[in-house]
């Protein structure tokens, strides 16, 4: 699995958990600017704070890192998931 696949999986997980895209803009160019924003922090509108939810948030941050060199691999994410 390539790091682009990790990105796509994490976008899907984010949508399933929070019911919306991980970015707030609607227009294509605005979304692109928001994705490319350095040091972007994700907005988590989820009030449940269990270990599993915190772990999923950590995984999303790892997988939605724009810089593919810094983005975690599927193997790194799976190691964390196995610890849940």
PDB file of N, CA and C in Angstrom:
ATOM      1  N   UNK A   1       0.851  -1.172   0.000  1.00  0.00           N
ATOM      2  CA  UNK A   1       0.000   0.000   0.000  1.00  0.00           C
ATOM      3  C   UNK A   1       0.899   1.238   0.000  1.00  0.00           C
ATOM      4  N   UNK A   2       0.606   2.152  -0.892  1.00  0.00           N
ATOM      5  CA  UNK A   2       1.384   3.381  -0.999  1.00  0.00           C
ATOM      6  C   UNK A   2       0.855   4.420  -0.022  1.00  0.00           C
ATOM      7  N   UNK A   3       1.659   5.437   0.227  1.00  0.00           N
ATOM      8  CA  UNK A   3       1.248   6.467   1.170  1.00  0.00           C
ATOM      9  C   UNK A   3       0.050   7.261   0.661  1.00  0.00           C
ATOM     10  N   UNK A   4      -0.135   7.342  -0.646  1.00  0.00           N
ATOM     11  CA  UNK A   4      -1.335   7.982  -1.194  1.00  0.00           C
ATOM     12  C   UNK A   4      -2.572   7.170  -0.817  1.00  0.00           C
ATOM     13  N   UNK A   5      -2.432   5.851  -0.750  1.00  0.00           N
ATOM     14  CA  UNK A   5      -3.546   4.997  -0.334  1.00  0.00           C
ATOM     15  C   UNK A   5      -3.865   5.214   1.142  1.00  0.00           C
ATOM     16  N   UNK A   6      -2.823   5.434   1.952  1.00  0.00           N
ATOM     17  CA  UNK A   6      -3.020   5.727   3.372  1.00  0.00           C
ATOM     18  C   UNK A   6      -3.829   7.009   3.505  1.00  0.00           C
ATOM     19  N   UNK A   7      -3.472   8.030   2.727  1.00  0.00           N
ATOM     20  CA  UNK A   7      -4.198   9.311   2.724  1.00  0.00           C
ATOM     21  C   UNK A   7      -5.676   9.057   2.413  1.00  0.00           C
ATOM     22  N   UNK A   8      -5.943   8.325   1.348  1.00  0.00           N
ATOM     23  CA  UNK A   8      -7.326   8.067   0.925  1.00  0.00           C
ATOM     24  C   UNK A   8      -8.096   7.295   1.998  1.00  0.00           C
ATOM     25  N   UNK A   9      -7.463   6.322   2.613  1.00  0.00           N
ATOM     26  CA  UNK A   9      -8.122   5.551   3.683  1.00  0.00           C
ATOM     27  C   UNK A   9      -8.454   6.447   4.871  1.00  0.00           C
ATOM     28  N   UNK A  10      -7.533   7.329   5.229  1.00  0.00           N
ATOM     29  CA  UNK A  10      -7.769   8.209   6.373  1.00  0.00           C
ATOM     30  C   UNK A  10      -8.859   9.242   6.081  1.00  0.00           C
ATOM     31  N   UNK A  11      -8.937   9.721   4.851  1.00  0.00           N
ATOM     32  CA  UNK A  11     -10.040  10.618   4.484  1.00  0.00           C
ATOM     33  C   UNK A  11     -11.362   9.879   4.653  1.00  0.00           C
ATOM     34  N   UNK A  12     -11.422   8.648   4.201  1.00  0.00           N
ATOM     35  CA  UNK A  12     -12.640   7.841   4.316  1.00  0.00           C
ATOM     36  C   UNK A  12     -13.000   7.601   5.786  1.00  0.00           C
ATOM     37  N   UNK A  13     -12.016   7.252   6.610  1.00  0.00           N
ATOM     38  CA  UNK A  13     -12.269   7.034   8.034  1.00  0.00           C
ATOM     39  C   UNK A  13     -12.790   8.316   8.677  1.00  0.00           C
ATOM     40  N   UNK A  14     -12.192   9.448   8.333  1.00  0.00           N
ATOM     41  CA  UNK A  14     -12.616  10.738   8.878  1.00  0.00           C
ATOM     42  C   UNK A  14     -14.086  10.991   8.530  1.00  0.00           C
ATOM     43  N   UNK A  15     -14.439  10.771   7.272  1.00  0.00           N
ATOM     44  CA  UNK A  15     -15.822  10.988   6.834  1.00  0.00           C
ATOM     45  C   UNK A  15     -16.773  10.066   7.588  1.00  0.00           C
ATOM     46  N   UNK A  16     -16.400   8.807   7.744  1.00  0.00           N
ATOM     47  CA  UNK A  16     -17.257   7.853   8.453  1.00  0.00           C
ATOM     48  C   UNK A  16     -17.426   8.233   9.927  1.00  0.00           C
ATOM     49  N   UNK A  17     -16.372   8.734  10.548  1.00  0.00           N
ATOM     50  CA  UNK A  17     -16.449   9.092  11.970  1.00  0.00           C
ATOM     51  C   UNK A  17     -17.168  10.398  12.223  1.00  0.00           C
ATOM     52  N   UNK A  18     -16.904  11.401  11.393  1.00  0.00           N
ATOM     53  CA  UNK A  18     -17.374  12.745  11.685  1.00  0.00           C
ATOM     54  C   UNK A  18     -18.472  13.243  10.740  1.00  0.00           C
ATOM     55  N   UNK A  19     -18.773  12.467   9.713  1.00  0.00           N
ATOM     56  CA  UNK A  19     -19.873  12.822   8.820  1.00  0.00           C
ATOM     57  C   UNK A  19     -19.596  14.007   7.913  1.00  0.00           C
ATOM     58  N   UNK A  20     -18.341  14.323   7.721  1.00  0.00           N
ATOM     59  CA  UNK A  20     -17.978  15.431   6.820  1.00  0.00           C
ATOM     60  C   UNK A  20     -16.541  15.256   6.356  1.00  0.00           C
ATOM     61  N   UNK A  21     -16.152  16.059   5.376  1.00  0.00           N
ATOM     62  CA  UNK A  21     -14.783  16.033   4.865  1.00  0.00           C
ATOM     63  C   UNK A  21     -13.833  16.592   5.909  1.00  0.00           C
ATOM     64  N   UNK A  22     -12.548  16.231   5.858  1.00  0.00           N
ATOM     65  CA  UNK A  22     -11.597  16.777   6.828  1.00  0.00           C
ATOM     66  C   UNK A  22     -11.194  18.227   6.564  1.00  0.00           C
ATOM     67  N   UNK A  23     -11.750  18.834   5.555  1.00  0.00           N
ATOM     68  CA  UNK A  23     -11.497  20.246   5.297  1.00  0.00           C
ATOM     69  C   UNK A  23     -12.846  20.945   5.197  1.00  0.00           C
ATOM     70  N   UNK A  24     -12.825  22.258   5.428  1.00  0.00           N
ATOM     71  CA  UNK A  24     -14.083  23.016   5.550  1.00  0.00           C
ATOM     72  C   UNK A  24     -14.527  23.683   4.263  1.00  0.00           C
ATOM     73  N   UNK A  25     -13.631  23.872   3.336  1.00  0.00           N
ATOM     74  CA  UNK A  25     -13.956  24.602   2.106  1.00  0.00           C
ATOM     75  C   UNK A  25     -14.809  23.747   1.175  1.00  0.00           C
ATOM     76  N   UNK A  26     -15.476  24.424   0.252  1.00  0.00           N
ATOM     77  CA  UNK A  26     -16.360  23.731  -0.687  1.00  0.00           C
ATOM     78  C   UNK A  26     -15.789  23.753  -2.104  1.00  0.00           C
ATOM     79  N   UNK A  27     -15.248  24.889  -2.513  1.00  0.00           N
ATOM     80  CA  UNK A  27     -14.721  25.027  -3.863  1.00  0.00           C
ATOM     81  C   UNK A  27     -13.412  24.254  -4.018  1.00  0.00           C
ATOM     82  N   UNK A  28     -13.224  23.664  -5.187  1.00  0.00           N
ATOM     83  CA  UNK A  28     -12.060  22.814  -5.450  1.00  0.00           C
ATOM     84  C   UNK A  28     -10.734  23.507  -5.148  1.00  0.00           C
ATOM     85  N   UNK A  29     -10.559  24.729  -5.618  1.00  0.00           N
ATOM     86  CA  UNK A  29      -9.303  25.453  -5.407  1.00  0.00           C
ATOM     87  C   UNK A  29      -9.100  25.782  -3.927  1.00  0.00           C
ATOM     88  N   UNK A  30     -10.182  26.094  -3.213  1.00  0.00           N
ATOM     89  CA  UNK A  30     -10.075  26.385  -1.783  1.00  0.00           C
ATOM     90  C   UNK A  30      -9.698  25.125  -1.006  1.00  0.00           C
ATOM     91  N   UNK A  31     -10.269  23.988  -1.404  1.00  0.00           N
ATOM     92  CA  UNK A  31      -9.934  22.713  -0.759  1.00  0.00           C
ATOM     93  C   UNK A  31      -8.454  22.411  -0.974  1.00  0.00           C
ATOM     94  N   UNK A  32      -7.984  22.607  -2.196  1.00  0.00           N
ATOM     95  CA  UNK A  32      -6.574  22.346  -2.508  1.00  0.00           C
ATOM     96  C   UNK A  32      -5.665  23.206  -1.635  1.00  0.00           C
ATOM     97  N   UNK A  33      -5.993  24.507  -1.479  1.00  0.00           N
ATOM     98  CA  UNK A  33      -5.190  25.393  -0.636  1.00  0.00           C
ATOM     99  C   UNK A  33      -5.195  24.907   0.811  1.00  0.00           C
ATOM    100  N   UNK A  34      -6.357  24.478   1.287  1.00  0.00           N
ATOM    101  CA  UNK A  34      -6.452  24.015   2.667  1.00  0.00           C
ATOM    102  C   UNK A  34      -5.654  22.728   2.885  1.00  0.00           C
ATOM    103  N   UNK A  35      -5.709  21.821   1.912  1.00  0.00           N
ATOM    104  CA  UNK A  35      -4.944  20.572   2.016  1.00  0.00           C
ATOM    105  C   UNK A  35      -3.452  20.864   2.038  1.00  0.00           C
ATOM    106  N   UNK A  36      -3.024  21.822   1.224  1.00  0.00           N
ATOM    107  CA  UNK A  36      -1.600  22.142   1.107  1.00  0.00           C
ATOM    108  C   UNK A  36      -1.083  23.022   2.245  1.00  0.00           C
ATOM    109  N   UNK A  37      -1.979  23.498   3.105  1.00  0.00           N
ATOM    110  CA  UNK A  37      -1.579  24.356   4.218  1.00  0.00           C
ATOM    111  C   UNK A  37      -0.614  23.622   5.146  1.00  0.00           C
ATOM    112  N   UNK A  38       0.560  24.197   5.366  1.00  0.00           N
ATOM    113  CA  UNK A  38       1.513  23.514   6.250  1.00  0.00           C
ATOM    114  C   UNK A  38       1.027  23.524   7.697  1.00  0.00           C
ATOM    115  N   UNK A  39       1.376  22.488   8.430  1.00  0.00           N
ATOM    116  CA  UNK A  39       1.029  22.365   9.850  1.00  0.00           C
ATOM    117  C   UNK A  39      -0.463  22.461  10.111  1.00  0.00           C
ATOM    118  N   UNK A  40      -1.241  21.930   9.202  1.00  0.00           N
ATOM    119  CA  UNK A  40      -2.698  21.948   9.351  1.00  0.00           C
ATOM    120  C   UNK A  40      -3.105  21.063  10.523  1.00  0.00           C
ATOM    121  N   UNK A  41      -4.030  21.561  11.319  1.00  0.00           N
ATOM    122  CA  UNK A  41      -4.592  20.742  12.386  1.00  0.00           C
ATOM    123  C   UNK A  41      -6.018  20.381  12.002  1.00  0.00           C
ATOM    124  N   UNK A  42      -6.367  19.152  12.241  1.00  0.00           N
ATOM    125  CA  UNK A  42      -7.706  18.688  11.891  1.00  0.00           C
ATOM    126  C   UNK A  42      -8.698  19.073  12.966  1.00  0.00           C
ATOM    127  N   UNK A  43      -9.921  19.316  12.561  1.00  0.00           N
ATOM    128  CA  UNK A  43     -10.994  19.682  13.468  1.00  0.00           C
ATOM    129  C   UNK A  43     -11.793  18.418  13.780  1.00  0.00           C
ATOM    130  N   UNK A  44     -11.779  18.011  15.041  1.00  0.00           N
ATOM    131  CA  UNK A  44     -12.499  16.809  15.446  1.00  0.00           C
ATOM    132  C   UNK A  44     -13.732  17.198  16.242  1.00  0.00           C
ATOM    133  N   UNK A  45     -14.888  17.086  15.623  1.00  0.00           N
ATOM    134  CA  UNK A  45     -16.141  17.382  16.305  1.00  0.00           C
ATOM    135  C   UNK A  45     -16.708  16.075  16.848  1.00  0.00           C
ATOM    136  N   UNK A  46     -16.040  15.547  17.850  1.00  0.00           N
ATOM    137  CA  UNK A  46     -16.431  14.250  18.391  1.00  0.00           C
ATOM    138  C   UNK A  46     -16.198  14.315  19.882  1.00  0.00           C
ATOM    139  N   UNK A  47     -17.252  14.256  20.655  1.00  0.00           N
ATOM    140  CA  UNK A  47     -17.139  14.499  22.087  1.00  0.00           C
ATOM    141  C   UNK A  47     -16.702  13.277  22.896  1.00  0.00           C
ATOM    142  N   UNK A  48     -16.813  12.092  22.342  1.00  0.00           N
ATOM    143  CA  UNK A  48     -16.413  10.895  23.070  1.00  0.00           C
ATOM    144  C   UNK A  48     -14.884  10.841  23.104  1.00  0.00           C
ATOM    145  N   UNK A  49     -14.330  10.670  24.288  1.00  0.00           N
ATOM    146  CA  UNK A  49     -12.883  10.692  24.430  1.00  0.00           C
ATOM    147  C   UNK A  49     -12.401   9.391  25.068  1.00  0.00           C
ATOM    148  N   UNK A  50     -12.531   8.319  24.340  1.00  0.00           N
ATOM    149  CA  UNK A  50     -12.053   7.030  24.823  1.00  0.00           C
ATOM    150  C   UNK A  50     -10.684   6.761  24.224  1.00  0.00           C
ATOM    151  N   UNK A  51     -10.025   5.728  24.710  1.00  0.00           N
ATOM    152  CA  UNK A  51      -8.712   5.372  24.172  1.00  0.00           C
ATOM    153  C   UNK A  51      -8.803   5.065  22.683  1.00  0.00           C
ATOM    154  N   UNK A  52      -9.867   4.371  22.281  1.00  0.00           N
ATOM    155  CA  UNK A  52     -10.012   4.027  20.862  1.00  0.00           C
ATOM    156  C   UNK A  52     -10.176   5.275  20.004  1.00  0.00           C
ATOM    157  N   UNK A  53     -10.987   6.215  20.464  1.00  0.00           N
ATOM    158  CA  UNK A  53     -11.199   7.441  19.689  1.00  0.00           C
ATOM    159  C   UNK A  53      -9.903   8.241  19.625  1.00  0.00           C
ATOM    160  N   UNK A  54      -9.179   8.331  20.723  1.00  0.00           N
ATOM    161  CA  UNK A  54      -7.890   9.041  20.710  1.00  0.00           C
ATOM    162  C   UNK A  54      -6.914   8.361  19.752  1.00  0.00           C
ATOM    163  N   UNK A  55      -6.922   7.042  19.737  1.00  0.00           N
ATOM    164  CA  UNK A  55      -6.037   6.307  18.828  1.00  0.00           C
ATOM    165  C   UNK A  55      -6.414   6.577  17.380  1.00  0.00           C
ATOM    166  N   UNK A  56      -7.693   6.587  17.089  1.00  0.00           N
ATOM    167  CA  UNK A  56      -8.137   6.859  15.721  1.00  0.00           C
ATOM    168  C   UNK A  56      -7.748   8.281  15.311  1.00  0.00           C
ATOM    169  N   UNK A  57      -7.887   9.242  16.218  1.00  0.00           N
ATOM    170  CA  UNK A  57      -7.472  10.612  15.910  1.00  0.00           C
ATOM    171  C   UNK A  57      -5.975  10.664  15.620  1.00  0.00           C
ATOM    172  N   UNK A  58      -5.192   9.933  16.385  1.00  0.00           N
ATOM    173  CA  UNK A  58      -3.743   9.870  16.156  1.00  0.00           C
ATOM    174  C   UNK A  58      -3.454   9.303  14.775  1.00  0.00           C
ATOM    175  N   UNK A  59      -4.146   8.230  14.431  1.00  0.00           N
ATOM    176  CA  UNK A  59      -3.954   7.593  13.124  1.00  0.00           C
ATOM    177  C   UNK A  59      -4.343   8.552  11.995  1.00  0.00           C
ATOM    178  N   UNK A  60      -5.441   9.272  12.181  1.00  0.00           N
ATOM    179  CA  UNK A  60      -5.856  10.229  11.156  1.00  0.00           C
ATOM    180  C   UNK A  60      -4.799  11.309  10.971  1.00  0.00           C
ATOM    181  N   UNK A  61      -4.250  11.812  12.067  1.00  0.00           N
ATOM    182  CA  UNK A  61      -3.186  12.820  11.956  1.00  0.00           C
ATOM    183  C   UNK A  61      -1.976  12.253  11.232  1.00  0.00           C
ATOM    184  N   UNK A  62      -1.647  11.000  11.505  1.00  0.00           N
ATOM    185  CA  UNK A  62      -0.499  10.363  10.857  1.00  0.00           C
ATOM    186  C   UNK A  62      -0.758  10.151   9.369  1.00  0.00           C
ATOM    187  N   UNK A  63      -1.968   9.750   9.020  1.00  0.00           N
ATOM    188  CA  UNK A  63      -2.292   9.409   7.645  1.00  0.00           C
ATOM    189  C   UNK A  63      -2.689  10.577   6.772  1.00  0.00           C
ATOM    190  N   UNK A  64      -3.128  11.676   7.389  1.00  0.00           N
ATOM    191  CA  UNK A  64      -3.528  12.840   6.615  1.00  0.00           C
ATOM    192  C   UNK A  64      -2.434  13.906   6.569  1.00  0.00           C
ATOM    193  N   UNK A  65      -1.234  13.540   6.936  1.00  0.00           N
ATOM    194  CA  UNK A  65      -0.080  14.423   6.779  1.00  0.00           C
ATOM    195  C   UNK A  65       0.130  14.676   5.289  1.00  0.00           C
ATOM    196  N   UNK A  66       0.124  15.956   4.890  1.00  0.00           N
ATOM    197  CA  UNK A  66       0.239  16.250   3.465  1.00  0.00           C
ATOM    198  C   UNK A  66       1.585  15.810   2.900  1.00  0.00           C
ATOM    199  N   UNK A  67       2.651  16.089   3.630  1.00  0.00           N
ATOM    200  CA  UNK A  67       3.988  15.750   3.147  1.00  0.00           C
ATOM    201  C   UNK A  67       4.159  14.233   3.176  1.00  0.00           C
ATOM    202  N   UNK A  68       4.184  13.623   2.025  1.00  0.00           N
ATOM    203  CA  UNK A  68       4.233  12.162   1.949  1.00  0.00           C
ATOM    204  C   UNK A  68       5.495  11.594   2.599  1.00  0.00           C
ATOM    205  N   UNK A  69       6.543  12.405   2.692  1.00  0.00           N
ATOM    206  CA  UNK A  69       7.767  11.928   3.338  1.00  0.00           C
ATOM    207  C   UNK A  69       7.576  11.801   4.848  1.00  0.00           C
ATOM    208  N   UNK A  70       6.696  12.613   5.402  1.00  0.00           N
ATOM    209  CA  UNK A  70       6.403  12.575   6.837  1.00  0.00           C
ATOM    210  C   UNK A  70       5.214  11.663   7.154  1.00  0.00           C
ATOM    211  N   UNK A  71       4.368  11.401   6.135  1.00  0.00           N
ATOM    212  CA  UNK A  71       3.163  10.591   6.341  1.00  0.00           C
ATOM    213  C   UNK A  71       3.548   9.171   6.735  1.00  0.00           C
ATOM    214  N   UNK A  72       2.800   8.616   7.666  1.00  0.00           N
ATOM    215  CA  UNK A  72       3.060   7.255   8.137  1.00  0.00           C
ATOM    216  C   UNK A  72       2.678   6.239   7.075  1.00  0.00           C
ATOM    217  N   UNK A  73       3.352   5.122   7.115  1.00  0.00           N
ATOM    218  CA  UNK A  73       3.030   4.026   6.198  1.00  0.00           C
ATOM    219  C   UNK A  73       1.878   3.214   6.770  1.00  0.00           C
ATOM    220  N   UNK A  74       1.308   2.362   5.943  1.00  0.00           N
ATOM    221  CA  UNK A  74       0.231   1.475   6.395  1.00  0.00           C
ATOM    222  C   UNK A  74       0.733   0.563   7.509  1.00  0.00           C
ATOM    223  N   UNK A  75       1.976   0.123   7.406  1.00  0.00           N
ATOM    224  CA  UNK A  75       2.547  -0.765   8.426  1.00  0.00           C
ATOM    225  C   UNK A  75       2.638  -0.069   9.772  1.00  0.00           C
ATOM    226  N   UNK A  76       3.044   1.202   9.766  1.00  0.00           N
ATOM    227  CA  UNK A  76       3.127   1.966  11.015  1.00  0.00           C
ATOM    228  C   UNK A  76       1.742   2.135  11.646  1.00  0.00           C
ATOM    229  N   UNK A  77       0.761   2.411  10.817  1.00  0.00           N
ATOM    230  CA  UNK A  77      -0.609   2.590  11.314  1.00  0.00           C
ATOM    231  C   UNK A  77      -1.151   1.271  11.837  1.00  0.00           C
ATOM    232  N   UNK A  78      -0.888   0.183  11.127  1.00  0.00           N
ATOM    233  CA  UNK A  78      -1.365  -1.132  11.580  1.00  0.00           C
ATOM    234  C   UNK A  78      -0.765  -1.512  12.922  1.00  0.00           C
ATOM    235  N   UNK A  79       0.482  -1.152  13.164  1.00  0.00           N
ATOM    236  CA  UNK A  79       1.101  -1.445  14.473  1.00  0.00           C
ATOM    237  C   UNK A  79       0.327  -0.742  15.592  1.00  0.00           C
ATOM    238  N   UNK A  80      -0.094   0.472  15.341  1.00  0.00           N
ATOM    239  CA  UNK A  80      -0.863   1.210  16.349  1.00  0.00           C
ATOM    240  C   UNK A  80      -2.239   0.576  16.525  1.00  0.00           C
ATOM    241  N   UNK A  81      -2.877   0.222  15.410  1.00  0.00           N
ATOM    242  CA  UNK A  81      -4.209  -0.399  15.486  1.00  0.00           C
ATOM    243  C   UNK A  81      -4.167  -1.719  16.225  1.00  0.00           C
ATOM    244  N   UNK A  82      -3.111  -2.473  16.066  1.00  0.00           N
ATOM    245  CA  UNK A  82      -2.993  -3.757  16.763  1.00  0.00           C
ATOM    246  C   UNK A  82      -2.880  -3.576  18.269  1.00  0.00           C
ATOM    247  N   UNK A  83      -2.504  -2.378  18.696  1.00  0.00           N
ATOM    248  CA  UNK A  83      -2.381  -2.091  20.109  1.00  0.00           C
ATOM    249  C   UNK A  83      -3.684  -1.691  20.793  1.00  0.00           C
ATOM    250  N   UNK A  84      -4.745  -1.508  20.012  1.00  0.00           N
ATOM    251  CA  UNK A  84      -6.039  -1.109  20.595  1.00  0.00           C
ATOM    252  C   UNK A  84      -6.638  -2.279  21.344  1.00  0.00           C
TER     253      UNK A  84
END
